[in-house]
Amino acid sequence: MAYVLAMTDEEANIANKQASDNSQKGASNAGSAGSGDNNGVVRGSDRKMGNNLCALWPGWFNELRNAPFQMLGMCALQRAIYSQEIYGEYTKIVSILTDEHLLKSMENRHLVQMLKQFLEPLIQCCPAQLYDSHLSEILTKV
């Protein structure tokens, strides 16, 4: 259960590998003095990156960047984004996402994530009578 303490998939794989290595060491060193088993717990000194959390920041920022697109995509899939109560907020979101300066400065991989996680569900789940109000502005600029 060492993977429960891990933050990323890479750390989970490292923790599983270390747990299996430790269990093999424990079996080969059985009976020797000082062969304490850590029971699969990942200790700070056992981690590949040690105390350097800077190595994890790119993954965290990537997830932080993708989370809003995923939430908007879920709203589109559940058709909550098409309700009249949210239309005012929807127009604000569209104005932010279609800002020319932001679109030009966005990297291709981030644009692809926006298209895949938000725009695709938005187009697929939009009712036909709302095409003009909900899709025209965002599709003409993207």
Foldseek 3Di string as FASTA:
>chain_A
DQLVPDDDPVQSVLLVVVLVVLVVVCVVCPPPPPSDGPNSHDDQVSGPVRPDCVVVVVVVVVCVLLVVLQVQLVCLLVVVCVDPVCLVVLVVVLCVVLPPVVVVPDDPVSVVSNCVRHVVSNVVRDDPVCCVVRPPSNVVRD
